[in-house]
């Protein structure tokens, strides 16, 4: 994603995005995506590594397509 606005970058989107997963039943809001990944890695380091490998193998244009779709939804 090419932009000069730091608030509209893929990195910023990933940091702000919510996962839909709650830390516990009484949590007021879902964890952010990176928090959810960190929690998953604590529970199963191999599963966390698997998803990091999948992300690393993903073409950059696929990431941009996904984030564009999320913003317009």
C-alpha atoms as a PDB file:
ATOM      1  CA  UNK A   1       0.000   0.000   0.000  1.00  0.00           C
ATOM      2  CA  UNK A   2       1.632   3.247  -1.095  1.00  0.00           C
ATOM      3  CA  UNK A   3       0.742   6.219   1.079  1.00  0.00           C
ATOM      4  CA  UNK A   4       2.468   9.061   2.857  1.00  0.00           C
ATOM      5  CA  UNK A   5      -0.145   9.090   5.600  1.00  0.00           C
ATOM      6  CA  UNK A   6       1.251   6.906   8.396  1.00  0.00           C
ATOM      7  CA  UNK A   7      -2.268   6.328   9.699  1.00  0.00           C
ATOM      8  CA  UNK A   8      -3.252   4.598   6.422  1.00  0.00           C
ATOM      9  CA  UNK A   9      -0.386   2.099   6.176  1.00  0.00           C
ATOM     10  CA  UNK A  10      -0.640  -1.677   6.319  1.00  0.00           C
ATOM     11  CA  UNK A  11       1.455  -1.677   9.500  1.00  0.00           C
ATOM     12  CA  UNK A  12      -0.902   0.752  11.235  1.00  0.00           C
ATOM     13  CA  UNK A  13      -3.915  -1.256  10.109  1.00  0.00           C
ATOM     14  CA  UNK A  14      -2.419  -4.456  11.541  1.00  0.00           C
ATOM     15  CA  UNK A  15      -1.665  -2.742  14.847  1.00  0.00           C
ATOM     16  CA  UNK A  16      -5.180  -1.302  15.202  1.00  0.00           C
ATOM     17  CA  UNK A  17      -7.255  -4.202  13.855  1.00  0.00           C
ATOM     18  CA  UNK A  18      -9.345  -6.266  16.275  1.00  0.00           C
ATOM     19  CA  UNK A  19      -9.303 -10.040  16.086  1.00  0.00           C
ATOM     20  CA  UNK A  20     -12.754 -10.989  17.316  1.00  0.00           C
ATOM     21  CA  UNK A  21     -11.069 -13.078  20.045  1.00  0.00           C
ATOM     22  CA  UNK A  22     -11.472 -12.050  23.680  1.00  0.00           C
ATOM     23  CA  UNK A  23      -8.768 -12.548  26.303  1.00  0.00           C
ATOM     24  CA  UNK A  24     -11.421 -13.838  28.714  1.00  0.00           C
ATOM     25  CA  UNK A  25     -15.244 -13.861  28.938  1.00  0.00           C
ATOM     26  CA  UNK A  26     -15.347 -10.594  30.907  1.00  0.00           C
ATOM     27  CA  UNK A  27     -13.088  -8.623  28.537  1.00  0.00           C
ATOM     28  CA  UNK A  28     -14.905  -5.514  27.277  1.00  0.00           C
ATOM     29  CA  UNK A  29     -13.427  -5.682  23.764  1.00  0.00           C
ATOM     30  CA  UNK A  30     -11.621  -8.168  21.527  1.00  0.00           C
ATOM     31  CA  UNK A  31      -7.856  -8.420  21.453  1.00  0.00           C
ATOM     32  CA  UNK A  32      -5.972  -6.683  18.698  1.00  0.00           C
ATOM     33  CA  UNK A  33      -4.704  -9.044  15.994  1.00  0.00           C
ATOM     34  CA  UNK A  34      -1.088  -8.972  17.136  1.00  0.00           C
ATOM     35  CA  UNK A  35      -2.150  -9.618  20.748  1.00  0.00           C
ATOM     36  CA  UNK A  36      -4.188 -12.606  19.601  1.00  0.00           C
ATOM     37  CA  UNK A  37      -1.193 -14.004  17.711  1.00  0.00           C
ATOM     38  CA  UNK A  38       1.046 -13.560  20.768  1.00  0.00           C
ATOM     39  CA  UNK A  39      -1.512 -15.356  22.970  1.00  0.00           C
ATOM     40  CA  UNK A  40      -1.811 -18.186  20.442  1.00  0.00           C
ATOM     41  CA  UNK A  41       1.983 -18.560  20.406  1.00  0.00           C
ATOM     42  CA  UNK A  42       1.992 -18.880  24.208  1.00  0.00           C
ATOM     43  CA  UNK A  43      -0.541 -21.709  24.005  1.00  0.00           C
ATOM     44  CA  UNK A  44       1.075 -23.435  21.033  1.00  0.00           C
ATOM     45  CA  UNK A  45       4.437 -22.139  19.818  1.00  0.00           C
ATOM     46  CA  UNK A  46       4.305 -24.390  16.758  1.00  0.00           C
ATOM     47  CA  UNK A  47       0.881 -23.027  15.758  1.00  0.00           C
ATOM     48  CA  UNK A  48       2.137 -19.447  16.109  1.00  0.00           C
ATOM     49  CA  UNK A  49       5.163 -20.296  13.990  1.00  0.00           C
ATOM     50  CA  UNK A  50       2.916 -21.899  11.386  1.00  0.00           C
ATOM     51  CA  UNK A  51       0.858 -18.727  10.964  1.00  0.00           C
ATOM     52  CA  UNK A  52       3.962 -16.530  10.842  1.00  0.00           C
ATOM     53  CA  UNK A  53       5.336 -18.734   8.052  1.00  0.00           C
ATOM     54  CA  UNK A  54       2.034 -18.489   6.171  1.00  0.00           C
ATOM     55  CA  UNK A  55       2.084 -14.703   6.457  1.00  0.00           C
ATOM     56  CA  UNK A  56       5.708 -14.510   5.312  1.00  0.00           C
ATOM     57  CA  UNK A  57       4.894 -16.615   2.237  1.00  0.00           C
ATOM     58  CA  UNK A  58       1.953 -14.427   1.249  1.00  0.00           C
ATOM     59  CA  UNK A  59       2.519 -12.090  -1.714  1.00  0.00           C
ATOM     60  CA  UNK A  60       2.378  -8.385  -0.828  1.00  0.00           C
ATOM     61  CA  UNK A  61      -0.440  -7.727  -3.292  1.00  0.00           C
ATOM     62  CA  UNK A  62      -2.595 -10.336  -1.525  1.00  0.00           C
ATOM     63  CA  UNK A  63      -2.163  -8.473   1.771  1.00  0.00           C
ATOM     64  CA  UNK A  64      -3.185  -5.223   0.096  1.00  0.00           C
ATOM     65  CA  UNK A  65      -6.277  -6.831  -1.422  1.00  0.00           C
ATOM     66  CA  UNK A  66      -7.331  -8.173   1.966  1.00  0.00           C
ATOM     67  CA  UNK A  67      -6.841  -4.868   3.789  1.00  0.00           C
ATOM     68  CA  UNK A  68      -8.730  -2.956   1.082  1.00  0.00           C
ATOM     69  CA  UNK A  69     -11.635  -5.385   1.405  1.00  0.00           C
ATOM     70  CA  UNK A  70     -11.646  -5.000   5.202  1.00  0.00           C
ATOM     71  CA  UNK A  71     -11.705  -1.206   4.993  1.00  0.00           C
ATOM     72  CA  UNK A  72     -14.679  -1.168   2.646  1.00  0.00           C
ATOM     73  CA  UNK A  73     -16.694  -3.785   4.556  1.00  0.00           C
END
